[in-house]
Amino acid sequence: MALQVPPSSIGSLTSASSWPAKSSTKCLAGDHGFLSLTRVSRSSIGGMAKRTGMSVGVRVRSSLETAGPVVGQVTEVNKDTFWPLVNAAGDKTVVVDMYTQWCGPCKVIAPKYQELSKKYLDVVFMKLDCNQDNKSLAKELGIRVVPTFKILKDSKIVKEVTGAKFDDLVVAIDS
């Protein structure tokens, strides 16, 4: 994949004054998240055209590699981000709200769940929309009713609360 990058985009990598005016920049995405920027310019010396170039390589990490679980808020997850974020939580307790867009009780408990994320700053709160896209993960987690709250420690499910039972959820988090 090749992208054309305007010279102003590379200012953070090198001084813009170091690039001659008649030039082009190519950005190539390679394997394993490596990004290569190549600047090629033409200059006229003694009536002859001469090509000069400079390459800069940087490692680009995906958001899953660099982002970890966030405390103090509810993080929306999907089938691709769920396990990486649960694993990244390490020994922190993780609470996951499995819900659907059309579920009335899910909508009622959502603001209360959000408040819990602000109260328990040592706990990671996530939510998973059990829609068609995430059906395989919902099945893997054994979701039969929504809302269902799964509590995980060390990437293992240790407790479950089914239904919009706020008090039961608080007790499960506290224990």
C-alpha atoms as a PDB file:
ATOM      1  CA  MET A   1       0.000   0.000   0.000  1.00  0.00           C
ATOM      2  CA  ALA A   2       1.450   3.407  -0.927  1.00  0.00           C
ATOM      3  CA  LEU A   3       0.253   6.784   0.229  1.00  0.00           C
ATOM      4  CA  GLN A   4       1.225  10.238  -0.965  1.00  0.00           C
ATOM      5  CA  VAL A   5       2.169  12.394   2.008  1.00  0.00           C
ATOM      6  CA  PRO A   6       2.405  16.191   1.776  1.00  0.00           C
ATOM      7  CA  PRO A   7       5.746  17.595   3.014  1.00  0.00           C
ATOM      8  CA  SER A   8       3.978  19.400   5.862  1.00  0.00           C
ATOM      9  CA  SER A   9       3.020  16.004   7.292  1.00  0.00           C
ATOM     10  CA  ILE A  10       6.602  15.038   7.890  1.00  0.00           C
ATOM     11  CA  GLY A  11       7.590  18.118   9.834  1.00  0.00           C
ATOM     12  CA  SER A  12       7.780  16.151  13.053  1.00  0.00           C
ATOM     13  CA  LEU A  13      10.307  13.728  11.534  1.00  0.00           C
ATOM     14  CA  THR A  14      12.642  16.284  10.009  1.00  0.00           C
ATOM     15  CA  SER A  15      12.946  19.961   9.389  1.00  0.00           C
ATOM     16  CA  ALA A  16      10.899  21.128   6.420  1.00  0.00           C
ATOM     17  CA  SER A  17      13.810  23.331   5.322  1.00  0.00           C
ATOM     18  CA  SER A  18      15.964  20.240   4.830  1.00  0.00           C
ATOM     19  CA  TRP A  19      13.715  19.085   1.970  1.00  0.00           C
ATOM     20  CA  PRO A  20      14.295  20.647  -1.461  1.00  0.00           C
ATOM     21  CA  ALA A  21      11.252  22.232  -3.066  1.00  0.00           C
ATOM     22  CA  LYS A  22      11.041  19.993  -6.160  1.00  0.00           C
ATOM     23  CA  SER A  23      10.435  16.679  -4.509  1.00  0.00           C
ATOM     24  CA  SER A  24       7.920  13.993  -3.726  1.00  0.00           C
ATOM     25  CA  THR A  25       7.271  11.887  -0.662  1.00  0.00           C
ATOM     26  CA  LYS A  26       6.045   8.321  -0.581  1.00  0.00           C
ATOM     27  CA  CYS A  27       4.776   6.513   2.454  1.00  0.00           C
ATOM     28  CA  LEU A  28       4.924   2.719   2.278  1.00  0.00           C
ATOM     29  CA  ALA A  29       3.336   0.447   4.842  1.00  0.00           C
ATOM     30  CA  GLY A  30       5.310  -2.743   5.157  1.00  0.00           C
ATOM     31  CA  ASP A  31       5.048  -5.943   7.140  1.00  0.00           C
ATOM     32  CA  HIS A  32       4.815  -6.003  10.935  1.00  0.00           C
ATOM     33  CA  GLY A  33       3.621  -2.401  11.241  1.00  0.00           C
ATOM     34  CA  PHE A  34       6.750  -0.822   9.727  1.00  0.00           C
ATOM     35  CA  LEU A  35       6.167   2.478   7.949  1.00  0.00           C
ATOM     36  CA  SER A  36       8.754   3.846   5.545  1.00  0.00           C
ATOM     37  CA  LEU A  37       8.812   7.458   4.388  1.00  0.00           C
ATOM     38  CA  THR A  38      11.007   8.165   1.388  1.00  0.00           C
ATOM     39  CA  ARG A  39      11.726  11.664   0.139  1.00  0.00           C
ATOM     40  CA  VAL A  40      13.109  11.894  -3.396  1.00  0.00           C
ATOM     41  CA  SER A  41      14.120  15.202  -4.938  1.00  0.00           C
ATOM     42  CA  ARG A  42      15.631  16.376  -8.172  1.00  0.00           C
ATOM     43  CA  SER A  43      18.253  19.082  -8.218  1.00  0.00           C
ATOM     44  CA  SER A  44      20.048  20.573 -11.155  1.00  0.00           C
ATOM     45  CA  ILE A  45      23.826  20.706 -10.804  1.00  0.00           C
ATOM     46  CA  GLY A  46      25.802  21.867 -13.824  1.00  0.00           C
ATOM     47  CA  GLY A  47      22.821  21.357 -16.105  1.00  0.00           C
ATOM     48  CA  MET A  48      22.400  17.709 -15.086  1.00  0.00           C
ATOM     49  CA  ALA A  49      19.535  16.290 -13.078  1.00  0.00           C
ATOM     50  CA  LYS A  50      20.572  14.483  -9.931  1.00  0.00           C
ATOM     51  CA  ARG A  51      18.278  12.401  -7.725  1.00  0.00           C
ATOM     52  CA  THR A  52      18.791  12.639  -4.013  1.00  0.00           C
ATOM     53  CA  GLY A  53      16.816  10.787  -1.427  1.00  0.00           C
ATOM     54  CA  MET A  54      16.262  10.178   2.222  1.00  0.00           C
ATOM     55  CA  SER A  55      14.334   7.428   3.962  1.00  0.00           C
ATOM     56  CA  VAL A  56      12.913   7.359   7.440  1.00  0.00           C
ATOM     57  CA  GLY A  57      11.468   4.209   8.980  1.00  0.00           C
ATOM     58  CA  VAL A  58       9.216   4.079  11.998  1.00  0.00           C
ATOM     59  CA  ARG A  59       7.378   1.292  13.804  1.00  0.00           C
ATOM     60  CA  VAL A  60       3.640   1.890  13.873  1.00  0.00           C
ATOM     61  CA  ARG A  61       1.689   0.071  16.559  1.00  0.00           C
ATOM     62  CA  SER A  62      -1.977  -0.725  16.294  1.00  0.00           C
ATOM     63  CA  SER A  63      -4.270   0.683  18.947  1.00  0.00           C
ATOM     64  CA  LEU A  64      -4.646  -2.821  20.402  1.00  0.00           C
ATOM     65  CA  GLU A  65      -0.897  -3.036  20.972  1.00  0.00           C
ATOM     66  CA  THR A  66      -0.644   0.319  22.713  1.00  0.00           C
ATOM     67  CA  ALA A  67      -4.028   0.846  24.316  1.00  0.00           C
ATOM     68  CA  GLY A  68      -4.813  -0.819  27.552  1.00  0.00           C
ATOM     69  CA  PRO A  69      -7.967  -1.020  29.569  1.00  0.00           C
ATOM     70  CA  VAL A  70      -9.234   2.308  30.871  1.00  0.00           C
ATOM     71  CA  VAL A  71     -10.431   2.864  34.428  1.00  0.00           C
ATOM     72  CA  GLY A  72     -13.033   5.464  35.365  1.00  0.00           C
ATOM     73  CA  GLN A  73     -15.138   4.898  32.271  1.00  0.00           C
ATOM     74  CA  VAL A  74     -16.911   2.140  30.366  1.00  0.00           C
ATOM     75  CA  THR A  75     -15.028   0.844  27.323  1.00  0.00           C
ATOM     76  CA  GLU A  76     -17.048  -0.531  24.391  1.00  0.00           C
ATOM     77  CA  VAL A  77     -15.510  -3.798  23.191  1.00  0.00           C
ATOM     78  CA  ASN A  78     -16.197  -6.220  20.348  1.00  0.00           C
ATOM     79  CA  LYS A  79     -15.170  -9.744  19.386  1.00  0.00           C
ATOM     80  CA  ASP A  80     -11.748  -8.494  18.259  1.00  0.00           C
ATOM     81  CA  THR A  81     -10.898  -6.245  21.208  1.00  0.00           C
ATOM     82  CA  PHE A  82     -12.474  -8.137  24.118  1.00  0.00           C
ATOM     83  CA  TRP A  83      -9.791 -10.693  24.985  1.00  0.00           C
ATOM     84  CA  PRO A  84      -6.785  -8.425  24.294  1.00  0.00           C
ATOM     85  CA  LEU A  85      -8.209  -5.799  26.671  1.00  0.00           C
ATOM     86  CA  VAL A  86      -9.194  -8.378  29.296  1.00  0.00           C
ATOM     87  CA  ASN A  87      -5.674  -9.836  29.159  1.00  0.00           C
ATOM     88  CA  ALA A  88      -4.144  -6.347  29.316  1.00  0.00           C
ATOM     89  CA  ALA A  89      -6.061  -5.696  32.552  1.00  0.00           C
ATOM     90  CA  GLY A  90      -3.730  -8.155  34.274  1.00  0.00           C
ATOM     91  CA  ASP A  91      -4.747  -8.717  37.885  1.00  0.00           C
ATOM     92  CA  LYS A  92      -7.412  -5.989  37.888  1.00  0.00           C
ATOM     93  CA  THR A  93     -11.035  -7.013  38.183  1.00  0.00           C
ATOM     94  CA  VAL A  94     -12.920  -6.665  34.888  1.00  0.00           C
ATOM     95  CA  VAL A  95     -16.704  -6.252  34.725  1.00  0.00           C
ATOM     96  CA  VAL A  96     -18.398  -6.708  31.348  1.00  0.00           C
ATOM     97  CA  ASP A  97     -21.969  -5.652  30.580  1.00  0.00           C
ATOM     98  CA  MET A  98     -23.412  -7.832  27.813  1.00  0.00           C
ATOM     99  CA  TYR A  99     -26.368  -5.961  26.344  1.00  0.00           C
ATOM    100  CA  THR A 100     -28.357  -5.328  23.169  1.00  0.00           C
ATOM    101  CA  GLN A 101     -29.595  -2.074  21.662  1.00  0.00           C
ATOM    102  CA  TRP A 102     -33.247  -3.139  21.854  1.00  0.00           C
ATOM    103  CA  CYS A 103     -33.231  -4.410  25.468  1.00  0.00           C
ATOM    104  CA  GLY A 104     -35.314  -2.231  27.824  1.00  0.00           C
ATOM    105  CA  PRO A 105     -33.680  -3.386  31.099  1.00  0.00           C
ATOM    106  CA  CYS A 106     -30.248  -2.885  29.462  1.00  0.00           C
ATOM    107  CA  LYS A 107     -31.126   0.755  28.781  1.00  0.00           C
ATOM    108  CA  VAL A 108     -32.355   1.244  32.356  1.00  0.00           C
ATOM    109  CA  ILE A 109     -29.204  -0.083  34.029  1.00  0.00           C
ATOM    110  CA  ALA A 110     -26.698   1.518  31.592  1.00  0.00           C
ATOM    111  CA  PRO A 111     -26.444   4.902  33.424  1.00  0.00           C
ATOM    112  CA  LYS A 112     -26.035   3.130  36.776  1.00  0.00           C
ATOM    113  CA  TYR A 113     -23.309   0.929  35.276  1.00  0.00           C
ATOM    114  CA  GLN A 114     -21.570   4.075  34.012  1.00  0.00           C
ATOM    115  CA  GLU A 115     -21.646   5.509  37.557  1.00  0.00           C
ATOM    116  CA  LEU A 116     -20.064   2.333  38.928  1.00  0.00           C
ATOM    117  CA  SER A 117     -17.114   2.853  36.577  1.00  0.00           C
ATOM    118  CA  LYS A 118     -16.490   6.236  38.218  1.00  0.00           C
ATOM    119  CA  LYS A 119     -16.849   4.840  41.744  1.00  0.00           C
ATOM    120  CA  TYR A 120     -14.611   1.755  41.405  1.00  0.00           C
ATOM    121  CA  LEU A 121     -11.386   3.172  39.980  1.00  0.00           C
ATOM    122  CA  ASP A 122      -9.517  -0.094  40.572  1.00  0.00           C
ATOM    123  CA  VAL A 123     -11.932  -2.025  38.321  1.00  0.00           C
ATOM    124  CA  VAL A 124     -12.063  -2.087  34.509  1.00  0.00           C
ATOM    125  CA  PHE A 125     -15.605  -1.707  33.119  1.00  0.00           C
ATOM    126  CA  MET A 126     -16.466  -2.843  29.601  1.00  0.00           C
ATOM    127  CA  LYS A 127     -19.616  -3.354  27.576  1.00  0.00           C
ATOM    128  CA  LEU A 128     -20.281  -5.722  24.706  1.00  0.00           C
ATOM    129  CA  ASP A 129     -23.190  -5.275  22.302  1.00  0.00           C
ATOM    130  CA  CYS A 130     -24.418  -8.835  21.722  1.00  0.00           C
ATOM    131  CA  ASN A 131     -25.379  -8.093  18.130  1.00  0.00           C
ATOM    132  CA  GLN A 132     -24.839 -10.289  15.081  1.00  0.00           C
ATOM    133  CA  ASP A 133     -21.210  -9.134  14.712  1.00  0.00           C
ATOM    134  CA  ASN A 134     -20.355 -10.258  18.250  1.00  0.00           C
ATOM    135  CA  LYS A 135     -22.556 -13.362  18.288  1.00  0.00           C
ATOM    136  CA  SER A 136     -19.608 -15.773  18.375  1.00  0.00           C
ATOM    137  CA  LEU A 137     -18.109 -14.094  21.448  1.00  0.00           C
ATOM    138  CA  ALA A 138     -21.493 -13.920  23.204  1.00  0.00           C
ATOM    139  CA  LYS A 139     -21.899 -17.650  22.578  1.00  0.00           C
ATOM    140  CA  GLU A 140     -18.359 -18.358  23.810  1.00  0.00           C
ATOM    141  CA  LEU A 141     -19.158 -16.441  27.016  1.00  0.00           C
ATOM    142  CA  GLY A 142     -22.422 -18.352  27.485  1.00  0.00           C
ATOM    143  CA  ILE A 143     -24.783 -15.390  27.161  1.00  0.00           C
ATOM    144  CA  ARG A 144     -28.416 -16.509  27.149  1.00  0.00           C
ATOM    145  CA  VAL A 145     -30.137 -13.404  28.528  1.00  0.00           C
ATOM    146  CA  VAL A 146     -29.364  -9.693  28.491  1.00  0.00           C
ATOM    147  CA  PRO A 147     -28.242  -7.882  30.372  1.00  0.00           C
ATOM    148  CA  THR A 148     -25.660 -10.279  31.748  1.00  0.00           C
ATOM    149  CA  PHE A 149     -22.673  -9.039  33.714  1.00  0.00           C
ATOM    150  CA  LYS A 150     -19.517 -11.145  33.785  1.00  0.00           C
ATOM    151  CA  ILE A 151     -16.840 -10.474  36.376  1.00  0.00           C
ATOM    152  CA  LEU A 152     -13.346 -11.626  35.473  1.00  0.00           C
ATOM    153  CA  LYS A 153     -10.124 -11.878  37.442  1.00  0.00           C
ATOM    154  CA  ASP A 154      -6.847 -12.888  35.829  1.00  0.00           C
ATOM    155  CA  SER A 155      -8.728 -13.300  32.509  1.00  0.00           C
ATOM    156  CA  LYS A 156     -11.076 -15.914  33.999  1.00  0.00           C
ATOM    157  CA  ILE A 157     -14.805 -15.547  34.621  1.00  0.00           C
ATOM    158  CA  VAL A 158     -15.389 -15.744  38.374  1.00  0.00           C
ATOM    159  CA  LYS A 159     -18.943 -14.393  38.751  1.00  0.00           C
ATOM    160  CA  GLU A 160     -22.057 -13.684  36.734  1.00  0.00           C
ATOM    161  CA  VAL A 161     -25.118 -11.523  37.357  1.00  0.00           C
ATOM    162  CA  THR A 162     -28.060 -11.928  34.983  1.00  0.00           C
ATOM    163  CA  GLY A 163     -30.750  -9.305  34.587  1.00  0.00           C
ATOM    164  CA  ALA A 164     -30.765  -5.627  35.530  1.00  0.00           C
ATOM    165  CA  LYS A 165     -30.095  -6.379  39.205  1.00  0.00           C
ATOM    166  CA  PHE A 166     -28.002  -3.408  40.258  1.00  0.00           C
ATOM    167  CA  ASP A 167     -27.683  -4.345  43.941  1.00  0.00           C
ATOM    168  CA  ASP A 168     -26.597  -7.887  43.041  1.00  0.00           C
ATOM    169  CA  LEU A 169     -23.995  -6.447  40.670  1.00  0.00           C
ATOM    170  CA  VAL A 170     -22.563  -4.184  43.388  1.00  0.00           C
ATOM    171  CA  VAL A 171     -22.368  -7.126  45.823  1.00  0.00           C
ATOM    172  CA  ALA A 172     -20.629  -9.249  43.171  1.00  0.00           C
ATOM    173  CA  ILE A 173     -18.058  -6.505  42.484  1.00  0.00           C
ATOM    174  CA  ASP A 174     -17.418  -5.960  46.197  1.00  0.00           C
ATOM    175  CA  SER A 175     -16.910  -9.637  47.010  1.00  0.00           C
END
